[in-house]
Structure formats: C-alpha cells, structure tokens
Amino acid sequence: MSVSNGSATMSTAGVPAHKANTAGAPRPGLPVQIQHQRNVVAADEEKALMEFIKDAFGILRDGCAACWARGIGGWEYHGRANCPQEICTAANMGWDKWHKSAMKSTTNKCWQCTISRKYHRRLEDVTECENEYILQAAIYGFVAHPADGLHYTDYDATLPKFRDFSQFWEWADKTHSGVTQNMHLFFAWLVEERGLLARK
C-alpha cells in the first residue's frame, strides 16, 4: 500500500496498522444507562417524598395544620375551620383571599392538597380531597404568622425576605424537579423539623 502526499509517494509496507487504545473508554451506551439509572433513582425519591407527605397528611387531617406548623400545642384538638387563632379561616381575609385565588390556578395536580395526579389516590375525582388545604394551611400559618423561633430561612438561609405571603408562594409553587415543587420539599422539611415524622 502506498500513500501520496501530492508530490511524493511513500510506501507503508511493513508499517503496523494503528489501533485505537480503547482500554479506558466507556462501553458504548454506558452514558445512556447511567442517565436511565439516575432517572430511576429520581423517580423513586420523588415517589418516597410524596408518600411521606401523604403520611403526614394522615396525621394532620383531623387537627389544625396551621397551629401545628406554628408550634402551638393543642393542634390535635381542633380543625382548621374552627381554629381559635383563626389563621386559616374565613375570618382571616389574608388567608381567605389568597387560598381561593392560588389554588384554582393549579394544573395536573389536586388543587386541594397539591399532590400530582401521578401520585394522587383518586386520579379522576379530586373535587373532594380528604387532605384539603393541609399543606397550604401549614405553610401559610408558618410563614405568614410565625409563632416561635423557627423561620423559613432555617430551611434555606439564601431565601430572600419576601414582601408578603403571595410572593413566598410564587417561590413555593415553582417546580424543583419532575412533579416535585418547592412547597413539597419545604413541607417535608417542616414535618421533620416539628418532629411529626422522620424520613426513612
């Protein structure tokens, strides 16, 4: 065999063929396999988070999530609607106005409990959710009416000082990953911080 460089011809007889060194190279398809594994892990973590939140809902369902979130004792003995603090009742115009407007704008999730339809118990009928406003009342009570030394910046010290609760909710309503929103991670943090449940 000969190779021409335009002016001279050179013989390649006796020169061993060059072989690429593939010893350290990844297997074909390995990056795809790694990404798939990451996706599986992320999906498992998301499912575990949603189950954790629903377990917390089960404990808070018959009590007052706003008082619980604020660290006020006796939350187990009254519901949100008849709360003596009136944090999340029709008597509180801030709550009443905010929750009616914020919840109706949700898509692909239960507007009453914020859980994605992917993980919601009743996929078709979410007109009556057993976990109505638990997460919202807890976060509203905690952020808009703090009662002890715990503050939302304890969750993330880099969060700005929000002008009002609606501005905080804009941040909370943003997607973190998949169907998980900031509100879900914040609520899960609050559940652990208040000692209601511990994640496995």
N, C-alpha and C. Protein backbone atom coordinates (compact mmCIF):
# COMPACT_ATOMS: atom_id res chain seq x y z
N MET A 1 0.85 -1.18 0.00
CA MET A 1 0.00 0.00 0.00
C MET A 1 0.89 1.22 0.00
N SER A 2 0.48 2.27 -0.72
CA SER A 2 1.25 3.50 -0.75
C SER A 2 0.35 4.69 -0.48
N VAL A 3 0.96 5.75 0.09
CA VAL A 3 0.23 6.97 0.42
C VAL A 3 0.85 8.11 -0.34
N SER A 4 0.05 8.93 -0.96
CA SER A 4 0.57 10.06 -1.72
C SER A 4 0.28 11.34 -0.95
N ASN A 5 1.31 12.20 -0.86
CA ASN A 5 1.10 13.50 -0.20
C ASN A 5 1.02 14.62 -1.22
N GLY A 6 0.85 14.28 -2.45
CA GLY A 6 0.69 15.26 -3.51
C GLY A 6 1.91 15.37 -4.39
N SER A 7 3.12 15.22 -3.83
CA SER A 7 4.33 15.35 -4.64
C SER A 7 5.17 14.08 -4.62
N ALA A 8 5.08 13.36 -3.52
CA ALA A 8 5.87 12.14 -3.42
C ALA A 8 4.98 11.01 -2.95
N THR A 9 5.36 9.82 -3.31
CA THR A 9 4.62 8.65 -2.89
C THR A 9 5.47 7.88 -1.90
N MET A 10 4.85 7.47 -0.79
CA MET A 10 5.56 6.77 0.26
C MET A 10 4.95 5.39 0.45
N SER A 11 5.77 4.39 0.62
CA SER A 11 5.29 3.04 0.84
C SER A 11 5.00 2.83 2.32
N THR A 12 3.85 2.14 2.62
CA THR A 12 3.52 1.83 4.01
C THR A 12 3.69 0.36 4.29
N ALA A 13 4.35 -0.34 3.39
CA ALA A 13 4.56 -1.78 3.59
C ALA A 13 5.43 -1.97 4.82
N GLY A 14 5.05 -2.90 5.67
CA GLY A 14 5.82 -3.23 6.86
C GLY A 14 5.51 -2.35 8.06
N VAL A 15 4.69 -1.32 7.85
CA VAL A 15 4.33 -0.45 8.98
C VAL A 15 3.07 -1.03 9.62
N PRO A 16 3.08 -1.34 10.93
CA PRO A 16 1.90 -1.94 11.56
C PRO A 16 0.72 -0.96 11.56
N ALA A 17 -0.45 -1.50 11.35
CA ALA A 17 -1.66 -0.67 11.35
C ALA A 17 -1.89 -0.12 12.75
N HIS A 18 -2.32 1.14 12.85
CA HIS A 18 -2.55 1.80 14.14
C HIS A 18 -3.90 1.35 14.71
N LYS A 19 -3.91 0.97 15.96
CA LYS A 19 -5.15 0.58 16.64
C LYS A 19 -5.41 1.58 17.75
N ALA A 20 -6.65 2.04 17.82
CA ALA A 20 -7.02 2.99 18.87
C ALA A 20 -6.98 2.29 20.23
N ASN A 21 -6.52 3.01 21.24
CA ASN A 21 -6.48 2.47 22.60
C ASN A 21 -7.87 2.68 23.23
N THR A 22 -8.61 1.60 23.38
CA THR A 22 -9.98 1.69 23.91
C THR A 22 -10.09 1.11 25.32
N ALA A 23 -8.96 0.83 25.94
CA ALA A 23 -8.98 0.19 27.25
C ALA A 23 -9.71 1.04 28.30
N GLY A 24 -9.52 2.37 28.27
CA GLY A 24 -10.15 3.22 29.28
C GLY A 24 -11.44 3.86 28.81
N ALA A 25 -11.85 3.58 27.60
CA ALA A 25 -13.05 4.22 27.06
C ALA A 25 -14.31 3.56 27.62
N PRO A 26 -15.37 4.35 27.82
CA PRO A 26 -16.62 3.75 28.33
C PRO A 26 -17.26 2.84 27.30
N ARG A 27 -17.99 1.85 27.82
CA ARG A 27 -18.70 0.96 26.91
C ARG A 27 -19.71 1.75 26.09
N PRO A 28 -19.96 1.33 24.85
CA PRO A 28 -20.99 2.01 24.07
C PRO A 28 -22.33 1.91 24.82
N GLY A 29 -23.03 3.02 24.90
CA GLY A 29 -24.34 3.02 25.56
C GLY A 29 -24.28 3.27 27.05
N LEU A 30 -23.06 3.29 27.63
CA LEU A 30 -22.94 3.48 29.08
C LEU A 30 -23.53 4.82 29.55
N PRO A 31 -23.27 5.95 28.87
CA PRO A 31 -23.89 7.20 29.32
C PRO A 31 -25.42 7.14 29.36
N VAL A 32 -26.01 6.43 28.42
CA VAL A 32 -27.46 6.28 28.38
C VAL A 32 -27.93 5.45 29.57
N GLN A 33 -27.17 4.38 29.88
CA GLN A 33 -27.51 3.52 31.02
C GLN A 33 -27.41 4.30 32.34
N ILE A 34 -26.36 5.12 32.45
CA ILE A 34 -26.17 5.92 33.67
C ILE A 34 -27.32 6.91 33.84
N GLN A 35 -27.71 7.58 32.74
CA GLN A 35 -28.80 8.55 32.81
C GLN A 35 -30.11 7.85 33.17
N HIS A 36 -30.32 6.66 32.60
CA HIS A 36 -31.53 5.90 32.91
C HIS A 36 -31.56 5.57 34.41
N GLN A 37 -30.42 5.14 34.95
CA GLN A 37 -30.35 4.80 36.37
C GLN A 37 -30.63 6.02 37.24
N ARG A 38 -30.10 7.18 36.83
CA ARG A 38 -30.36 8.42 37.56
C ARG A 38 -31.85 8.74 37.54
N ASN A 39 -32.48 8.55 36.40
CA ASN A 39 -33.92 8.80 36.27
C ASN A 39 -34.72 7.88 37.19
N VAL A 40 -34.31 6.61 37.27
CA VAL A 40 -35.00 5.64 38.13
C VAL A 40 -34.86 6.06 39.59
N VAL A 41 -33.65 6.45 39.99
CA VAL A 41 -33.40 6.88 41.36
C VAL A 41 -34.23 8.14 41.68
N ALA A 42 -34.24 9.09 40.74
CA ALA A 42 -35.01 10.33 40.95
C ALA A 42 -36.50 10.02 41.08
N ALA A 43 -37.01 9.11 40.27
CA ALA A 43 -38.43 8.74 40.34
C ALA A 43 -38.74 8.06 41.66
N ASP A 44 -37.83 7.20 42.13
CA ASP A 44 -38.03 6.53 43.42
C ASP A 44 -38.03 7.54 44.57
N GLU A 45 -37.12 8.51 44.50
CA GLU A 45 -37.04 9.54 45.55
C GLU A 45 -38.29 10.41 45.54
N GLU A 46 -38.77 10.74 44.35
CA GLU A 46 -39.99 11.55 44.25
C GLU A 46 -41.19 10.81 44.82
N LYS A 47 -41.31 9.54 44.48
CA LYS A 47 -42.42 8.74 44.99
C LYS A 47 -42.35 8.64 46.52
N ALA A 48 -41.14 8.43 47.06
CA ALA A 48 -40.96 8.34 48.51
C ALA A 48 -41.34 9.66 49.19
N LEU A 49 -40.97 10.79 48.56
CA LEU A 49 -41.31 12.09 49.11
C LEU A 49 -42.83 12.28 49.16
N MET A 50 -43.51 11.93 48.07
CA MET A 50 -44.97 12.10 48.02
C MET A 50 -45.66 11.19 49.04
N GLU A 51 -45.14 9.99 49.23
CA GLU A 51 -45.72 9.07 50.23
C GLU A 51 -45.49 9.63 51.64
N PHE A 52 -44.32 10.20 51.87
CA PHE A 52 -44.00 10.81 53.16
C PHE A 52 -44.97 11.96 53.46
N ILE A 53 -45.21 12.80 52.45
CA ILE A 53 -46.14 13.92 52.61
C ILE A 53 -47.54 13.42 52.90
N LYS A 54 -47.96 12.39 52.18
CA LYS A 54 -49.31 11.85 52.40
C LYS A 54 -49.44 11.21 53.79
N ASP A 55 -48.35 10.59 54.27
CA ASP A 55 -48.37 10.06 55.65
C ASP A 55 -48.56 11.19 56.66
N ALA A 56 -47.89 12.31 56.41
CA ALA A 56 -48.05 13.48 57.30
C ALA A 56 -49.47 14.01 57.23
N PHE A 57 -50.04 14.03 56.03
CA PHE A 57 -51.43 14.46 55.87
C PHE A 57 -52.35 13.60 56.75
N GLY A 58 -52.08 12.30 56.77
CA GLY A 58 -52.91 11.38 57.56
C GLY A 58 -52.90 11.73 59.04
N ILE A 59 -51.77 12.20 59.54
CA ILE A 59 -51.66 12.58 60.96
C ILE A 59 -52.33 13.93 61.21
N LEU A 60 -52.17 14.85 60.27
CA LEU A 60 -52.67 16.22 60.46
C LEU A 60 -54.13 16.40 60.07
N ARG A 61 -54.68 15.43 59.39
CA ARG A 61 -56.01 15.56 58.76
C ARG A 61 -57.11 16.03 59.72
N ASP A 62 -57.16 15.51 60.91
CA ASP A 62 -58.25 15.85 61.84
C ASP A 62 -57.89 16.96 62.82
N GLY A 63 -56.71 17.53 62.66
CA GLY A 63 -56.28 18.61 63.53
C GLY A 63 -56.15 19.91 62.77
N CYS A 64 -55.38 20.83 63.31
CA CYS A 64 -55.17 22.14 62.70
C CYS A 64 -53.72 22.24 62.23
N ALA A 65 -53.53 22.14 60.93
CA ALA A 65 -52.18 22.16 60.36
C ALA A 65 -51.49 23.50 60.59
N ALA A 66 -52.26 24.58 60.62
CA ALA A 66 -51.66 25.90 60.82
C ALA A 66 -51.05 26.01 62.22
N CYS A 67 -51.79 25.59 63.23
CA CYS A 67 -51.27 25.63 64.61
C CYS A 67 -50.09 24.68 64.77
N TRP A 68 -50.20 23.49 64.18
CA TRP A 68 -49.09 22.54 64.24
C TRP A 68 -47.83 23.15 63.66
N ALA A 69 -47.94 23.73 62.47
CA ALA A 69 -46.78 24.30 61.80
C ALA A 69 -46.16 25.45 62.60
N ARG A 70 -46.99 26.17 63.32
CA ARG A 70 -46.53 27.30 64.12
C ARG A 70 -45.96 26.86 65.47
N GLY A 71 -46.06 25.56 65.78
CA GLY A 71 -45.52 25.05 67.04
C GLY A 71 -46.43 25.28 68.22
N ILE A 72 -47.72 25.47 67.95
CA ILE A 72 -48.69 25.72 69.03
C ILE A 72 -49.31 24.41 69.49
N GLY A 73 -49.24 24.14 70.76
CA GLY A 73 -49.81 22.92 71.32
C GLY A 73 -51.33 22.89 71.22
N GLY A 74 -51.87 21.70 71.25
CA GLY A 74 -53.32 21.53 71.19
C GLY A 74 -53.88 21.51 69.78
N TRP A 75 -53.01 21.50 68.77
CA TRP A 75 -53.46 21.49 67.38
C TRP A 75 -54.29 20.25 67.06
N GLU A 76 -54.07 19.18 67.82
CA GLU A 76 -54.78 17.92 67.56
C GLU A 76 -56.26 18.01 67.92
N TYR A 77 -56.64 19.01 68.73
CA TYR A 77 -57.99 19.05 69.29
C TYR A 77 -58.96 19.98 68.58
N HIS A 78 -58.52 20.64 67.54
CA HIS A 78 -59.44 21.45 66.75
C HIS A 78 -59.03 21.41 65.28
N GLY A 79 -59.97 21.62 64.41
CA GLY A 79 -59.70 21.65 62.98
C GLY A 79 -59.35 23.05 62.49
N ARG A 80 -58.96 23.12 61.23
CA ARG A 80 -58.60 24.40 60.65
C ARG A 80 -59.76 25.39 60.67
N ALA A 81 -60.95 24.91 60.34
CA ALA A 81 -62.11 25.80 60.22
C ALA A 81 -62.57 26.40 61.55
N ASN A 82 -62.31 25.68 62.66
CA ASN A 82 -62.74 26.21 63.96
C ASN A 82 -61.55 26.53 64.86
N CYS A 83 -60.46 26.96 64.24
CA CYS A 83 -59.24 27.29 64.98
C CYS A 83 -59.44 28.55 65.82
N PRO A 84 -59.12 28.52 67.11
CA PRO A 84 -59.26 29.72 67.95
C PRO A 84 -58.33 30.85 67.51
N GLN A 85 -57.24 30.49 66.83
CA GLN A 85 -56.30 31.51 66.33
C GLN A 85 -56.83 32.18 65.05
N GLU A 86 -57.77 31.51 64.37
CA GLU A 86 -58.38 31.99 63.13
C GLU A 86 -57.37 32.32 62.04
N ILE A 87 -56.29 31.54 61.99
CA ILE A 87 -55.25 31.79 60.99
C ILE A 87 -55.73 31.43 59.59
N CYS A 88 -56.33 30.27 59.46
CA CYS A 88 -56.76 29.78 58.14
C CYS A 88 -58.27 29.57 58.11
N THR A 89 -58.99 30.60 58.49
CA THR A 89 -60.46 30.56 58.46
C THR A 89 -60.95 31.73 57.61
N ALA A 90 -62.24 31.70 57.31
CA ALA A 90 -62.83 32.78 56.52
C ALA A 90 -62.70 34.13 57.24
N ALA A 91 -62.51 34.11 58.57
CA ALA A 91 -62.36 35.34 59.34
C ALA A 91 -61.05 36.06 59.02
N ASN A 92 -60.07 35.31 58.54
CA ASN A 92 -58.78 35.91 58.17
C ASN A 92 -58.83 36.25 56.68
N MET A 93 -58.99 37.52 56.37
CA MET A 93 -59.14 37.94 54.97
C MET A 93 -57.90 37.62 54.14
N GLY A 94 -56.73 37.68 54.77
CA GLY A 94 -55.49 37.36 54.03
C GLY A 94 -55.51 35.93 53.53
N TRP A 95 -55.82 34.99 54.42
CA TRP A 95 -55.92 33.58 54.04
C TRP A 95 -57.05 33.36 53.05
N ASP A 96 -58.20 33.89 53.34
CA ASP A 96 -59.38 33.64 52.53
C ASP A 96 -59.17 34.10 51.09
N LYS A 97 -58.62 35.27 50.91
CA LYS A 97 -58.38 35.80 49.57
C LYS A 97 -57.28 35.02 48.86
N TRP A 98 -56.19 34.77 49.57
CA TRP A 98 -55.05 34.11 48.94
C TRP A 98 -55.39 32.68 48.52
N HIS A 99 -55.93 31.87 49.42
CA HIS A 99 -56.08 30.45 49.08
C HIS A 99 -57.10 30.24 47.98
N LYS A 100 -58.11 31.08 47.89
CA LYS A 100 -59.10 30.93 46.82
C LYS A 100 -58.50 31.21 45.45
N SER A 101 -57.63 32.20 45.37
CA SER A 101 -57.03 32.53 44.08
C SER A 101 -55.88 31.59 43.73
N ALA A 102 -55.05 31.26 44.71
CA ALA A 102 -53.87 30.44 44.44
C ALA A 102 -54.21 29.01 44.05
N MET A 103 -55.18 28.42 44.70
CA MET A 103 -55.45 27.01 44.49
C MET A 103 -56.18 26.72 43.17
N LYS A 104 -56.96 27.64 42.69
CA LYS A 104 -57.73 27.39 41.48
C LYS A 104 -56.86 27.39 40.22
N SER A 105 -55.66 27.91 40.31
CA SER A 105 -54.81 28.03 39.12
C SER A 105 -53.90 26.82 38.90
N THR A 106 -54.02 25.81 39.71
CA THR A 106 -53.14 24.66 39.58
C THR A 106 -53.53 23.76 38.42
N THR A 107 -52.53 23.09 37.84
CA THR A 107 -52.79 22.15 36.75
C THR A 107 -52.07 20.84 37.03
N ASN A 108 -52.67 19.75 36.59
CA ASN A 108 -52.09 18.41 36.71
C ASN A 108 -51.81 17.98 38.15
N LYS A 109 -52.50 18.59 39.08
CA LYS A 109 -52.38 18.17 40.47
C LYS A 109 -53.69 18.51 41.17
N CYS A 110 -53.86 17.92 42.31
CA CYS A 110 -55.04 18.21 43.11
C CYS A 110 -54.90 19.61 43.69
N TRP A 111 -55.82 20.50 43.36
CA TRP A 111 -55.72 21.87 43.84
C TRP A 111 -56.02 21.97 45.33
N GLN A 112 -56.52 20.89 45.92
CA GLN A 112 -56.83 20.92 47.35
C GLN A 112 -55.66 20.45 48.22
N CYS A 113 -54.84 19.53 47.70
CA CYS A 113 -53.72 19.04 48.53
C CYS A 113 -52.35 19.23 47.87
N THR A 114 -52.31 19.65 46.62
CA THR A 114 -51.09 19.92 45.83
C THR A 114 -50.37 18.68 45.33
N ILE A 115 -50.86 17.49 45.63
CA ILE A 115 -50.20 16.27 45.16
C ILE A 115 -50.51 16.07 43.67
N SER A 116 -49.48 15.73 42.92
CA SER A 116 -49.63 15.49 41.48
C SER A 116 -50.64 14.38 41.24
N ARG A 117 -51.35 14.47 40.14
CA ARG A 117 -52.30 13.41 39.78
C ARG A 117 -51.57 12.07 39.62
N LYS A 118 -50.29 12.13 39.36
CA LYS A 118 -49.49 10.91 39.24
C LYS A 118 -49.48 10.10 40.53
N TYR A 119 -49.55 10.79 41.67
CA TYR A 119 -49.48 10.13 42.97
C TYR A 119 -50.76 10.27 43.79
N HIS A 120 -51.74 10.93 43.25
CA HIS A 120 -52.97 11.16 43.99
C HIS A 120 -53.79 9.87 44.04
N ARG A 121 -54.44 9.63 45.18
CA ARG A 121 -55.18 8.38 45.37
C ARG A 121 -56.33 8.24 44.38
N ARG A 122 -57.06 9.31 44.18
CA ARG A 122 -58.19 9.28 43.24
C ARG A 122 -57.83 10.12 42.04
N LEU A 123 -57.42 9.46 40.98
CA LEU A 123 -56.92 10.19 39.83
C LEU A 123 -58.00 10.99 39.11
N GLU A 124 -59.19 10.46 39.05
CA GLU A 124 -60.24 11.13 38.28
C GLU A 124 -61.00 12.16 39.10
N ASP A 125 -61.34 11.81 40.33
CA ASP A 125 -62.20 12.68 41.12
C ASP A 125 -61.40 13.37 42.22
N VAL A 126 -61.05 14.63 41.99
CA VAL A 126 -60.34 15.39 43.02
C VAL A 126 -61.20 16.56 43.47
N THR A 127 -62.52 16.44 43.30
CA THR A 127 -63.41 17.51 43.75
C THR A 127 -63.54 17.51 45.26
N GLU A 128 -63.37 16.34 45.88
CA GLU A 128 -63.40 16.25 47.33
C GLU A 128 -62.19 15.46 47.80
N CYS A 129 -61.20 16.17 48.26
CA CYS A 129 -59.95 15.53 48.69
C CYS A 129 -59.93 15.48 50.21
N GLU A 130 -59.59 14.31 50.75
CA GLU A 130 -59.55 14.15 52.21
C GLU A 130 -58.43 14.96 52.85
N ASN A 131 -57.49 15.42 52.04
CA ASN A 131 -56.36 16.19 52.57
C ASN A 131 -56.45 17.66 52.18
N GLU A 132 -57.67 18.15 52.09
CA GLU A 132 -57.92 19.52 51.65
C GLU A 132 -57.17 20.55 52.48
N TYR A 133 -56.35 21.34 51.82
CA TYR A 133 -55.66 22.52 52.36
C TYR A 133 -54.71 22.24 53.53
N ILE A 134 -54.33 21.01 53.76
CA ILE A 134 -53.41 20.73 54.88
C ILE A 134 -52.06 21.39 54.62
N LEU A 135 -51.48 21.11 53.46
CA LEU A 135 -50.16 21.67 53.15
C LEU A 135 -50.21 23.19 53.09
N GLN A 136 -51.23 23.72 52.43
CA GLN A 136 -51.33 25.17 52.28
C GLN A 136 -51.50 25.86 53.64
N ALA A 137 -52.37 25.30 54.50
CA ALA A 137 -52.61 25.90 55.82
C ALA A 137 -51.33 25.86 56.67
N ALA A 138 -50.61 24.75 56.58
CA ALA A 138 -49.37 24.62 57.35
C ALA A 138 -48.36 25.66 56.91
N ILE A 139 -48.16 25.77 55.61
CA ILE A 139 -47.16 26.72 55.11
C ILE A 139 -47.61 28.16 55.36
N TYR A 140 -48.89 28.43 55.13
CA TYR A 140 -49.41 29.80 55.36
C TYR A 140 -49.24 30.19 56.83
N GLY A 141 -49.66 29.32 57.72
CA GLY A 141 -49.55 29.62 59.14
C GLY A 141 -48.11 29.84 59.56
N PHE A 142 -47.23 28.97 59.08
CA PHE A 142 -45.81 29.04 59.46
C PHE A 142 -45.14 30.30 58.93
N VAL A 143 -45.39 30.64 57.67
CA VAL A 143 -44.69 31.77 57.04
C VAL A 143 -45.36 33.11 57.37
N ALA A 144 -46.69 33.16 57.26
CA ALA A 144 -47.39 34.44 57.43
C ALA A 144 -47.62 34.82 58.89
N HIS A 145 -47.63 33.82 59.77
CA HIS A 145 -47.91 34.09 61.19
C HIS A 145 -46.95 33.30 62.09
N PRO A 146 -45.65 33.55 61.99
CA PRO A 146 -44.70 32.79 62.81
C PRO A 146 -44.97 32.98 64.30
N ALA A 147 -44.80 31.90 65.06
CA ALA A 147 -45.14 31.96 66.49
C ALA A 147 -43.98 31.60 67.40
N ASP A 148 -42.94 31.01 66.85
CA ASP A 148 -41.78 30.68 67.69
C ASP A 148 -40.51 31.03 66.92
N GLY A 149 -39.39 30.52 67.36
CA GLY A 149 -38.11 30.90 66.76
C GLY A 149 -37.81 30.29 65.40
N LEU A 150 -38.60 29.34 64.97
CA LEU A 150 -38.35 28.69 63.67
C LEU A 150 -38.85 29.61 62.55
N HIS A 151 -38.03 29.75 61.50
CA HIS A 151 -38.33 30.69 60.41
C HIS A 151 -38.05 30.01 59.08
N TYR A 152 -38.68 30.50 58.01
CA TYR A 152 -38.47 29.85 56.71
C TYR A 152 -37.02 29.90 56.25
N THR A 153 -36.25 30.86 56.74
CA THR A 153 -34.83 30.91 56.37
C THR A 153 -34.03 29.79 57.04
N ASP A 154 -34.63 29.13 58.04
CA ASP A 154 -33.97 27.96 58.62
C ASP A 154 -33.99 26.79 57.62
N TYR A 155 -34.94 26.82 56.71
CA TYR A 155 -34.98 25.82 55.62
C TYR A 155 -33.88 26.12 54.61
N ASP A 156 -33.75 27.39 54.25
CA ASP A 156 -32.76 27.81 53.27
C ASP A 156 -32.38 29.25 53.58
N ALA A 157 -31.17 29.42 54.10
CA ALA A 157 -30.72 30.76 54.51
C ALA A 157 -30.56 31.71 53.34
N THR A 158 -30.52 31.17 52.11
CA THR A 158 -30.34 32.04 50.94
C THR A 158 -31.67 32.60 50.41
N LEU A 159 -32.79 32.16 50.99
CA LEU A 159 -34.07 32.70 50.53
C LEU A 159 -34.16 34.18 50.89
N PRO A 160 -34.72 34.99 49.98
CA PRO A 160 -34.81 36.43 50.26
C PRO A 160 -35.91 36.73 51.28
N LYS A 161 -35.96 37.97 51.71
CA LYS A 161 -37.07 38.42 52.54
C LYS A 161 -38.22 38.71 51.60
N PHE A 162 -39.28 37.92 51.71
CA PHE A 162 -40.40 38.09 50.80
C PHE A 162 -41.29 39.24 51.26
N ARG A 163 -41.81 39.98 50.30
CA ARG A 163 -42.68 41.13 50.57
C ARG A 163 -43.93 40.73 51.33
N ASP A 164 -44.53 39.62 50.91
CA ASP A 164 -45.74 39.11 51.55
C ASP A 164 -45.86 37.62 51.25
N PHE A 165 -46.91 36.99 51.74
CA PHE A 165 -47.04 35.56 51.56
C PHE A 165 -47.24 35.18 50.09
N SER A 166 -47.92 36.00 49.33
CA SER A 166 -48.12 35.70 47.90
C SER A 166 -46.78 35.60 47.18
N GLN A 167 -45.86 36.44 47.54
CA GLN A 167 -44.53 36.38 46.94
C GLN A 167 -43.79 35.10 47.37
N PHE A 168 -43.94 34.73 48.64
CA PHE A 168 -43.35 33.48 49.09
C PHE A 168 -43.96 32.31 48.31
N TRP A 169 -45.27 32.33 48.11
CA TRP A 169 -45.94 31.24 47.41
C TRP A 169 -45.50 31.13 45.95
N GLU A 170 -45.14 32.25 45.33
CA GLU A 170 -44.60 32.19 43.96
C GLU A 170 -43.36 31.31 43.94
N TRP A 171 -42.51 31.49 44.96
CA TRP A 171 -41.32 30.62 45.06
C TRP A 171 -41.75 29.19 45.35
N ALA A 172 -42.66 29.00 46.29
CA ALA A 172 -43.09 27.65 46.70
C ALA A 172 -43.73 26.88 45.56
N ASP A 173 -44.39 27.58 44.67
CA ASP A 173 -45.13 26.96 43.57
C ASP A 173 -44.24 26.56 42.40
N LYS A 174 -42.97 26.92 42.45
CA LYS A 174 -42.05 26.59 41.35
C LYS A 174 -41.67 25.12 41.41
N THR A 175 -41.48 24.55 40.21
CA THR A 175 -41.09 23.14 40.11
C THR A 175 -39.62 22.99 40.49
N HIS A 176 -39.36 22.01 41.33
CA HIS A 176 -37.98 21.68 41.71
C HIS A 176 -37.43 20.65 40.73
N SER A 177 -38.15 19.57 40.55
CA SER A 177 -37.80 18.53 39.57
C SER A 177 -39.00 17.61 39.42
N GLY A 178 -39.19 17.09 38.23
CA GLY A 178 -40.32 16.20 37.98
C GLY A 178 -41.62 16.89 38.35
N VAL A 179 -42.40 16.26 39.24
CA VAL A 179 -43.65 16.88 39.71
C VAL A 179 -43.47 17.45 41.13
N THR A 180 -42.25 17.43 41.62
CA THR A 180 -41.95 17.97 42.95
C THR A 180 -41.77 19.48 42.85
N GLN A 181 -42.48 20.17 43.72
CA GLN A 181 -42.35 21.62 43.77
C GLN A 181 -41.65 22.02 45.06
N ASN A 182 -41.19 23.27 45.11
CA ASN A 182 -40.53 23.77 46.32
C ASN A 182 -41.42 23.58 47.55
N MET A 183 -42.74 23.75 47.38
CA MET A 183 -43.66 23.62 48.51
C MET A 183 -43.61 22.23 49.13
N HIS A 184 -43.43 21.20 48.30
CA HIS A 184 -43.39 19.83 48.80
C HIS A 184 -42.13 19.60 49.64
N LEU A 185 -40.99 20.10 49.15
CA LEU A 185 -39.74 19.95 49.90
C LEU A 185 -39.79 20.77 51.20
N PHE A 186 -40.37 21.95 51.12
CA PHE A 186 -40.49 22.81 52.30
C PHE A 186 -41.38 22.17 53.34
N PHE A 187 -42.52 21.64 52.92
CA PHE A 187 -43.44 20.98 53.85
C PHE A 187 -42.79 19.76 54.48
N ALA A 188 -42.07 18.96 53.68
CA ALA A 188 -41.39 17.78 54.22
C ALA A 188 -40.34 18.18 55.26
N TRP A 189 -39.64 19.27 54.99
CA TRP A 189 -38.68 19.79 55.98
C TRP A 189 -39.40 20.16 57.27
N LEU A 190 -40.53 20.83 57.14
CA LEU A 190 -41.30 21.26 58.31
C LEU A 190 -41.80 20.05 59.12
N VAL A 191 -42.22 19.01 58.41
CA VAL A 191 -42.69 17.78 59.07
C VAL A 191 -41.58 17.18 59.94
N GLU A 192 -40.37 17.15 59.38
CA GLU A 192 -39.24 16.60 60.15
C GLU A 192 -38.80 17.56 61.26
N GLU A 193 -38.79 18.83 60.94
CA GLU A 193 -38.33 19.84 61.91
C GLU A 193 -39.25 19.89 63.13
N ARG A 194 -40.54 19.72 62.92
CA ARG A 194 -41.51 19.73 64.02
C ARG A 194 -41.64 18.35 64.68
N GLY A 195 -40.90 17.37 64.18
CA GLY A 195 -40.90 16.05 64.81
C GLY A 195 -42.15 15.23 64.58
N LEU A 196 -42.92 15.55 63.54
CA LEU A 196 -44.14 14.81 63.26
C LEU A 196 -43.82 13.42 62.72
N LEU A 197 -42.89 13.37 61.78
CA LEU A 197 -42.43 12.11 61.18
C LEU A 197 -40.97 12.26 60.83
N ALA A 198 -40.28 11.13 60.66
CA ALA A 198 -38.91 11.15 60.18
C ALA A 198 -38.84 10.36 58.89
N ARG A 199 -38.08 10.87 57.95
CA ARG A 199 -37.94 10.15 56.68
C ARG A 199 -37.04 8.95 56.86
N LYS A 200 -37.36 7.90 56.11
CA LYS A 200 -36.57 6.67 56.21
C LYS A 200 -35.29 6.82 55.43
